[in-house]
């Protein structure tokens, strides 16, 4: 396991993910990243992202090598930074240990009723710091 990315999510590459060039379409990478983010919140924080307000404020992906149908894909995730109302998650999509893509997502904790960002709960902050093994601020 990568020390910088302590959380690993195996992801199945599906036939429908493959484009005309025989590799995973670039847009599908974002779905893989979302799957890893949902798993991180469920397994590390005990939070169902469908039951709390969050919004993706930014997302960037750098593509390093193609991912193919037969590949065993793992998405490694770390919370690299915790702000007042946001989290920055860094991801590596790996095939056989090689980095196929990297991504950074800024996720804002959001109150949709009030239509405004809200502070990251202290319980999230302390759980992430304990799990990651380092301060994330």
N, C-alpha and C. Protein backbone atom coordinates (compact mmCIF):
# COMPACT_ATOMS: atom_id res chain seq x y z
N UNK A 1 0.85 -1.18 0.00
CA UNK A 1 0.00 0.00 0.00
C UNK A 1 0.89 1.24 0.00
N UNK A 2 0.53 2.23 -0.75
CA UNK A 2 1.26 3.48 -0.85
C UNK A 2 1.05 4.29 0.43
N UNK A 3 2.14 4.71 1.05
CA UNK A 3 2.05 5.48 2.29
C UNK A 3 1.32 6.79 2.06
N UNK A 4 1.53 7.40 0.89
CA UNK A 4 0.88 8.67 0.60
C UNK A 4 -0.60 8.52 0.27
N UNK A 5 -1.03 7.32 -0.07
CA UNK A 5 -2.42 7.05 -0.43
C UNK A 5 -2.87 5.80 0.34
N UNK A 6 -3.25 5.97 1.60
CA UNK A 6 -3.51 4.80 2.45
C UNK A 6 -4.81 4.05 2.16
N UNK A 7 -5.71 4.63 1.39
CA UNK A 7 -6.99 3.98 1.14
C UNK A 7 -7.04 3.47 -0.30
N UNK A 8 -7.37 2.20 -0.46
CA UNK A 8 -7.37 1.56 -1.78
C UNK A 8 -8.77 1.05 -2.11
N UNK A 9 -9.23 1.34 -3.32
CA UNK A 9 -10.53 0.87 -3.80
C UNK A 9 -10.33 0.11 -5.10
N UNK A 10 -10.52 -1.22 -5.09
CA UNK A 10 -10.50 -1.96 -6.36
C UNK A 10 -11.72 -1.55 -7.19
N UNK A 11 -11.49 -1.33 -8.48
CA UNK A 11 -12.58 -0.89 -9.36
C UNK A 11 -12.61 -1.83 -10.56
N UNK A 12 -13.79 -2.29 -10.91
CA UNK A 12 -13.95 -3.16 -12.08
C UNK A 12 -14.05 -2.32 -13.34
N UNK A 13 -13.22 -2.67 -14.32
CA UNK A 13 -13.31 -2.04 -15.63
C UNK A 13 -14.38 -2.82 -16.40
N UNK A 14 -15.41 -2.11 -16.83
CA UNK A 14 -16.53 -2.74 -17.54
C UNK A 14 -16.39 -2.54 -19.05
N UNK A 15 -16.97 -3.44 -19.80
CA UNK A 15 -16.92 -3.35 -21.25
C UNK A 15 -17.45 -2.00 -21.74
N UNK A 16 -18.49 -1.50 -21.09
CA UNK A 16 -19.08 -0.22 -21.52
C UNK A 16 -18.16 0.97 -21.30
N UNK A 17 -17.11 0.78 -20.48
CA UNK A 17 -16.16 1.85 -20.20
C UNK A 17 -15.16 2.06 -21.34
N UNK A 18 -15.08 1.08 -22.24
CA UNK A 18 -14.06 1.07 -23.29
C UNK A 18 -14.53 1.88 -24.49
N UNK A 19 -13.63 2.69 -25.03
CA UNK A 19 -13.99 3.51 -26.20
C UNK A 19 -13.52 2.83 -27.50
N UNK A 20 -13.64 3.52 -28.59
CA UNK A 20 -13.30 2.96 -29.90
C UNK A 20 -11.82 2.63 -30.04
N UNK A 21 -10.99 3.18 -29.17
CA UNK A 21 -9.55 2.92 -29.23
C UNK A 21 -9.14 1.74 -28.36
N UNK A 22 -10.11 1.11 -27.68
CA UNK A 22 -9.83 -0.08 -26.88
C UNK A 22 -9.35 0.18 -25.48
N UNK A 23 -9.50 1.42 -25.03
CA UNK A 23 -9.12 1.71 -23.64
C UNK A 23 -10.23 2.51 -22.97
N UNK A 24 -10.13 2.65 -21.65
CA UNK A 24 -11.15 3.36 -20.88
C UNK A 24 -11.22 4.80 -21.36
N UNK A 25 -12.42 5.25 -21.65
CA UNK A 25 -12.65 6.63 -22.07
C UNK A 25 -12.26 7.58 -20.95
N UNK A 26 -11.68 8.71 -21.31
CA UNK A 26 -11.21 9.66 -20.30
C UNK A 26 -12.31 10.11 -19.33
N UNK A 27 -13.52 10.26 -19.79
CA UNK A 27 -14.61 10.70 -18.91
C UNK A 27 -14.96 9.65 -17.84
N UNK A 28 -14.71 8.40 -18.13
CA UNK A 28 -15.03 7.32 -17.20
C UNK A 28 -14.11 7.35 -15.98
N UNK A 29 -12.91 7.88 -16.15
CA UNK A 29 -11.99 7.99 -15.01
C UNK A 29 -12.66 8.74 -13.85
N UNK A 30 -13.46 9.74 -14.17
CA UNK A 30 -14.14 10.53 -13.14
C UNK A 30 -15.12 9.65 -12.36
N UNK A 31 -15.77 8.71 -13.01
CA UNK A 31 -16.66 7.78 -12.31
C UNK A 31 -15.87 6.88 -11.37
N UNK A 32 -14.69 6.44 -11.80
CA UNK A 32 -13.85 5.61 -10.93
C UNK A 32 -13.42 6.40 -9.69
N UNK A 33 -13.08 7.66 -9.89
CA UNK A 33 -12.68 8.53 -8.78
C UNK A 33 -13.85 8.73 -7.82
N UNK A 34 -15.05 8.93 -8.38
CA UNK A 34 -16.24 9.08 -7.55
C UNK A 34 -16.49 7.82 -6.73
N UNK A 35 -16.35 6.66 -7.33
CA UNK A 35 -16.53 5.39 -6.63
C UNK A 35 -15.57 5.28 -5.44
N UNK A 36 -14.33 5.70 -5.64
CA UNK A 36 -13.33 5.68 -4.56
C UNK A 36 -13.68 6.68 -3.47
N UNK A 37 -14.18 7.85 -3.86
CA UNK A 37 -14.55 8.88 -2.88
C UNK A 37 -15.71 8.39 -2.01
N UNK A 38 -16.71 7.79 -2.62
CA UNK A 38 -17.86 7.25 -1.88
C UNK A 38 -17.39 6.16 -0.92
N UNK A 39 -16.50 5.29 -1.38
CA UNK A 39 -15.98 4.22 -0.53
C UNK A 39 -15.18 4.79 0.64
N UNK A 40 -14.36 5.80 0.39
CA UNK A 40 -13.57 6.43 1.45
C UNK A 40 -14.50 6.97 2.53
N UNK A 41 -15.51 7.71 2.13
CA UNK A 41 -16.44 8.30 3.11
C UNK A 41 -17.17 7.22 3.89
N UNK A 42 -17.61 6.16 3.21
CA UNK A 42 -18.32 5.08 3.90
C UNK A 42 -17.42 4.33 4.86
N UNK A 43 -16.26 3.92 4.38
CA UNK A 43 -15.41 3.03 5.17
C UNK A 43 -14.53 3.74 6.19
N UNK A 44 -14.06 4.93 5.89
CA UNK A 44 -13.20 5.65 6.83
C UNK A 44 -14.02 6.53 7.77
N UNK A 45 -14.96 7.28 7.21
CA UNK A 45 -15.73 8.23 8.02
C UNK A 45 -17.08 7.68 8.50
N UNK A 46 -17.51 6.56 7.93
CA UNK A 46 -18.83 6.03 8.30
C UNK A 46 -19.96 6.93 7.84
N UNK A 47 -19.73 7.63 6.72
CA UNK A 47 -20.69 8.61 6.21
C UNK A 47 -21.16 8.19 4.82
N UNK A 48 -22.46 8.19 4.63
CA UNK A 48 -23.04 7.96 3.31
C UNK A 48 -23.13 9.32 2.61
N UNK A 49 -22.36 9.49 1.53
CA UNK A 49 -22.35 10.79 0.85
C UNK A 49 -23.73 11.20 0.34
N UNK A 50 -24.63 10.23 0.17
CA UNK A 50 -26.00 10.56 -0.24
C UNK A 50 -26.81 11.19 0.88
N UNK A 51 -26.32 11.10 2.11
CA UNK A 51 -27.10 11.62 3.25
C UNK A 51 -26.53 12.92 3.82
N UNK A 52 -25.40 13.37 3.28
CA UNK A 52 -24.83 14.64 3.74
C UNK A 52 -24.62 15.54 2.52
N UNK A 53 -24.61 16.81 2.76
CA UNK A 53 -24.43 17.75 1.66
C UNK A 53 -22.96 17.92 1.30
N UNK A 54 -22.64 17.58 0.08
CA UNK A 54 -21.30 17.85 -0.45
C UNK A 54 -21.44 18.27 -1.91
N UNK A 55 -20.47 19.01 -2.36
CA UNK A 55 -20.44 19.44 -3.76
C UNK A 55 -19.00 19.43 -4.24
N UNK A 56 -18.79 18.96 -5.44
CA UNK A 56 -17.46 19.00 -6.03
C UNK A 56 -17.22 20.42 -6.52
N UNK A 57 -16.20 21.07 -5.96
CA UNK A 57 -15.87 22.44 -6.35
C UNK A 57 -14.87 22.47 -7.50
N UNK A 58 -13.97 21.48 -7.51
CA UNK A 58 -13.04 21.39 -8.63
C UNK A 58 -12.56 19.96 -8.77
N UNK A 59 -12.14 19.65 -9.99
CA UNK A 59 -11.69 18.30 -10.32
C UNK A 59 -10.68 18.42 -11.45
N UNK A 60 -9.53 17.81 -11.25
CA UNK A 60 -8.56 17.77 -12.34
C UNK A 60 -8.00 16.35 -12.44
N UNK A 61 -7.77 15.92 -13.67
CA UNK A 61 -7.26 14.58 -13.93
C UNK A 61 -6.09 14.71 -14.90
N UNK A 62 -5.00 14.01 -14.56
CA UNK A 62 -3.87 13.90 -15.46
C UNK A 62 -3.77 12.44 -15.89
N UNK A 63 -3.75 12.20 -17.19
CA UNK A 63 -3.73 10.85 -17.74
C UNK A 63 -2.29 10.46 -18.07
N UNK A 64 -1.86 9.31 -17.55
CA UNK A 64 -0.47 8.87 -17.72
C UNK A 64 -0.33 7.71 -18.69
N UNK A 65 -1.28 6.77 -18.65
CA UNK A 65 -1.25 5.62 -19.56
C UNK A 65 -2.67 5.08 -19.69
N UNK A 66 -2.96 4.38 -20.78
CA UNK A 66 -4.31 3.84 -20.98
C UNK A 66 -4.65 2.75 -19.96
N UNK A 67 -5.93 2.64 -19.68
CA UNK A 67 -6.47 1.55 -18.88
C UNK A 67 -7.29 0.70 -19.84
N UNK A 68 -7.09 -0.62 -19.80
CA UNK A 68 -7.76 -1.52 -20.73
C UNK A 68 -8.71 -2.45 -20.00
N UNK A 69 -9.56 -3.11 -20.76
CA UNK A 69 -10.62 -3.96 -20.20
C UNK A 69 -10.10 -5.03 -19.24
N UNK A 70 -9.02 -5.67 -19.55
CA UNK A 70 -8.50 -6.77 -18.73
C UNK A 70 -7.70 -6.30 -17.51
N UNK A 71 -7.49 -4.99 -17.40
CA UNK A 71 -6.66 -4.47 -16.31
C UNK A 71 -7.35 -4.59 -14.95
N UNK A 72 -6.53 -4.86 -13.94
CA UNK A 72 -7.00 -4.82 -12.55
C UNK A 72 -6.67 -3.44 -12.02
N UNK A 73 -7.71 -2.64 -11.85
CA UNK A 73 -7.56 -1.24 -11.48
C UNK A 73 -7.80 -1.05 -9.99
N UNK A 74 -6.93 -0.23 -9.38
CA UNK A 74 -7.09 0.17 -7.99
C UNK A 74 -6.98 1.68 -7.94
N UNK A 75 -7.91 2.32 -7.20
CA UNK A 75 -7.82 3.76 -7.00
C UNK A 75 -7.35 3.98 -5.56
N UNK A 76 -6.20 4.64 -5.42
CA UNK A 76 -5.66 4.97 -4.11
C UNK A 76 -6.04 6.41 -3.79
N UNK A 77 -6.49 6.62 -2.56
CA UNK A 77 -7.05 7.91 -2.16
C UNK A 77 -6.42 8.39 -0.86
N UNK A 78 -6.19 9.67 -0.79
CA UNK A 78 -5.80 10.31 0.47
C UNK A 78 -6.48 11.67 0.57
N UNK A 79 -6.80 12.06 1.78
CA UNK A 79 -7.26 13.43 2.01
C UNK A 79 -5.99 14.23 2.28
N UNK A 80 -5.61 15.04 1.33
CA UNK A 80 -4.36 15.78 1.39
C UNK A 80 -4.47 17.06 2.19
N UNK A 81 -5.68 17.61 2.27
CA UNK A 81 -5.86 18.89 2.96
C UNK A 81 -7.30 19.00 3.45
N UNK A 82 -7.45 19.54 4.65
CA UNK A 82 -8.78 19.85 5.18
C UNK A 82 -8.82 21.34 5.46
N UNK A 83 -9.74 22.03 4.79
CA UNK A 83 -9.92 23.44 5.03
C UNK A 83 -11.07 23.66 6.01
N UNK A 84 -11.57 24.86 6.05
CA UNK A 84 -12.69 25.17 6.93
C UNK A 84 -13.96 24.48 6.47
N UNK A 85 -14.23 24.55 5.15
CA UNK A 85 -15.46 23.96 4.61
C UNK A 85 -15.19 22.93 3.51
N UNK A 86 -13.92 22.63 3.25
CA UNK A 86 -13.62 21.76 2.11
C UNK A 86 -12.53 20.74 2.45
N UNK A 87 -12.50 19.71 1.62
CA UNK A 87 -11.48 18.67 1.67
C UNK A 87 -10.85 18.58 0.30
N UNK A 88 -9.53 18.40 0.26
CA UNK A 88 -8.86 18.11 -1.01
C UNK A 88 -8.44 16.65 -0.98
N UNK A 89 -8.97 15.88 -1.93
CA UNK A 89 -8.63 14.47 -2.06
C UNK A 89 -7.71 14.29 -3.25
N UNK A 90 -6.63 13.54 -3.03
CA UNK A 90 -5.73 13.18 -4.11
C UNK A 90 -5.92 11.71 -4.42
N UNK A 91 -5.94 11.37 -5.70
CA UNK A 91 -6.17 9.99 -6.14
C UNK A 91 -5.09 9.58 -7.12
N UNK A 92 -4.72 8.30 -7.06
CA UNK A 92 -3.91 7.67 -8.09
C UNK A 92 -4.67 6.46 -8.59
N UNK A 93 -4.89 6.39 -9.89
CA UNK A 93 -5.49 5.21 -10.52
C UNK A 93 -4.32 4.35 -10.96
N UNK A 94 -4.25 3.13 -10.43
CA UNK A 94 -3.09 2.27 -10.67
C UNK A 94 -3.49 0.95 -11.31
N UNK A 95 -2.65 0.51 -12.23
CA UNK A 95 -2.79 -0.79 -12.88
C UNK A 95 -1.46 -1.51 -12.68
N UNK A 96 -1.49 -2.62 -11.95
CA UNK A 96 -0.26 -3.37 -11.72
C UNK A 96 0.83 -2.55 -11.07
N UNK A 97 0.46 -1.62 -10.23
CA UNK A 97 1.43 -0.78 -9.54
C UNK A 97 1.81 0.48 -10.30
N UNK A 98 1.57 0.51 -11.62
CA UNK A 98 1.91 1.69 -12.42
C UNK A 98 0.77 2.71 -12.35
N UNK A 99 1.14 3.97 -12.31
CA UNK A 99 0.14 5.03 -12.26
C UNK A 99 -0.43 5.25 -13.65
N UNK A 100 -1.74 5.05 -13.79
CA UNK A 100 -2.43 5.28 -15.06
C UNK A 100 -2.98 6.70 -15.14
N UNK A 101 -3.33 7.26 -13.98
CA UNK A 101 -3.85 8.63 -13.93
C UNK A 101 -3.75 9.13 -12.49
N UNK A 102 -3.70 10.44 -12.36
CA UNK A 102 -3.77 11.07 -11.05
C UNK A 102 -4.92 12.08 -11.10
N UNK A 103 -5.48 12.35 -9.93
CA UNK A 103 -6.60 13.30 -9.89
C UNK A 103 -6.62 14.02 -8.56
N UNK A 104 -7.12 15.23 -8.59
CA UNK A 104 -7.34 16.02 -7.39
C UNK A 104 -8.78 16.50 -7.42
N UNK A 105 -9.47 16.31 -6.29
CA UNK A 105 -10.86 16.74 -6.15
C UNK A 105 -10.97 17.62 -4.92
N UNK A 106 -11.60 18.77 -5.05
CA UNK A 106 -11.94 19.58 -3.89
C UNK A 106 -13.43 19.41 -3.67
N UNK A 107 -13.75 18.91 -2.47
CA UNK A 107 -15.13 18.61 -2.10
C UNK A 107 -15.54 19.57 -0.99
N UNK A 108 -16.63 20.27 -1.19
CA UNK A 108 -17.12 21.25 -0.22
C UNK A 108 -18.28 20.64 0.56
N UNK A 109 -18.23 20.80 1.89
CA UNK A 109 -19.36 20.39 2.74
C UNK A 109 -20.40 21.50 2.59
N UNK A 110 -21.61 21.13 2.19
CA UNK A 110 -22.59 22.13 1.76
C UNK A 110 -23.95 21.90 2.38
N UNK A 111 -24.57 22.99 2.81
CA UNK A 111 -25.94 22.96 3.33
C UNK A 111 -26.84 23.45 2.18
N UNK A 112 -27.54 22.51 1.56
CA UNK A 112 -28.35 22.86 0.39
C UNK A 112 -29.58 23.68 0.77
N UNK A 113 -30.10 23.50 1.99
CA UNK A 113 -31.25 24.31 2.43
C UNK A 113 -30.85 25.77 2.58
N UNK A 114 -29.72 26.00 3.22
CA UNK A 114 -29.23 27.37 3.42
C UNK A 114 -28.50 27.89 2.19
N UNK A 115 -28.18 26.99 1.25
CA UNK A 115 -27.46 27.32 0.02
C UNK A 115 -26.11 27.98 0.31
N UNK A 116 -25.34 27.29 1.22
CA UNK A 116 -24.02 27.82 1.56
C UNK A 116 -23.11 26.72 2.10
N UNK A 117 -21.82 26.91 1.95
CA UNK A 117 -20.87 25.95 2.54
C UNK A 117 -20.97 25.98 4.07
N UNK A 118 -20.68 24.84 4.68
CA UNK A 118 -20.69 24.75 6.15
C UNK A 118 -19.37 24.11 6.59
N UNK A 119 -18.99 24.34 7.84
CA UNK A 119 -17.71 23.80 8.32
C UNK A 119 -17.65 22.27 8.27
N UNK A 120 -16.46 21.76 8.01
CA UNK A 120 -16.20 20.33 8.07
C UNK A 120 -16.40 19.90 9.52
N UNK A 121 -17.20 18.87 9.77
CA UNK A 121 -17.40 18.42 11.16
C UNK A 121 -16.08 18.01 11.81
N UNK A 122 -15.94 18.34 13.07
CA UNK A 122 -14.72 17.99 13.81
C UNK A 122 -14.48 16.48 13.81
N UNK A 123 -15.57 15.69 13.85
CA UNK A 123 -15.43 14.23 13.84
C UNK A 123 -14.78 13.77 12.53
N UNK A 124 -15.13 14.38 11.40
CA UNK A 124 -14.50 14.03 10.12
C UNK A 124 -13.01 14.36 10.18
N UNK A 125 -12.73 15.58 10.65
CA UNK A 125 -11.36 16.07 10.70
C UNK A 125 -10.48 15.13 11.53
N UNK A 126 -10.91 14.79 12.74
CA UNK A 126 -10.09 13.96 13.61
C UNK A 126 -9.97 12.53 13.08
N UNK A 127 -11.03 12.00 12.48
CA UNK A 127 -10.98 10.65 11.92
C UNK A 127 -10.02 10.59 10.74
N UNK A 128 -10.07 11.58 9.88
CA UNK A 128 -9.16 11.62 8.73
C UNK A 128 -7.71 11.72 9.21
N UNK A 129 -7.43 12.59 10.17
CA UNK A 129 -6.07 12.75 10.67
C UNK A 129 -5.59 11.43 11.28
N UNK A 130 -6.44 10.77 12.06
CA UNK A 130 -6.07 9.47 12.65
C UNK A 130 -5.81 8.44 11.56
N UNK A 131 -6.68 8.36 10.57
CA UNK A 131 -6.55 7.36 9.51
C UNK A 131 -5.33 7.62 8.62
N UNK A 132 -5.16 8.86 8.23
CA UNK A 132 -4.07 9.22 7.32
C UNK A 132 -2.71 9.14 8.01
N UNK A 133 -2.71 9.28 9.33
CA UNK A 133 -1.45 9.19 10.06
C UNK A 133 -0.60 10.45 10.00
N UNK A 134 -1.20 11.54 9.53
CA UNK A 134 -0.49 12.81 9.47
C UNK A 134 -1.51 13.93 9.46
N UNK A 135 -1.05 15.12 9.84
CA UNK A 135 -1.92 16.29 9.79
C UNK A 135 -2.20 16.61 8.33
N UNK A 136 -3.42 17.04 8.06
CA UNK A 136 -3.81 17.33 6.67
C UNK A 136 -4.10 18.82 6.48
N UNK A 137 -3.59 19.62 7.34
CA UNK A 137 -3.86 21.05 7.21
C UNK A 137 -2.60 21.82 6.92
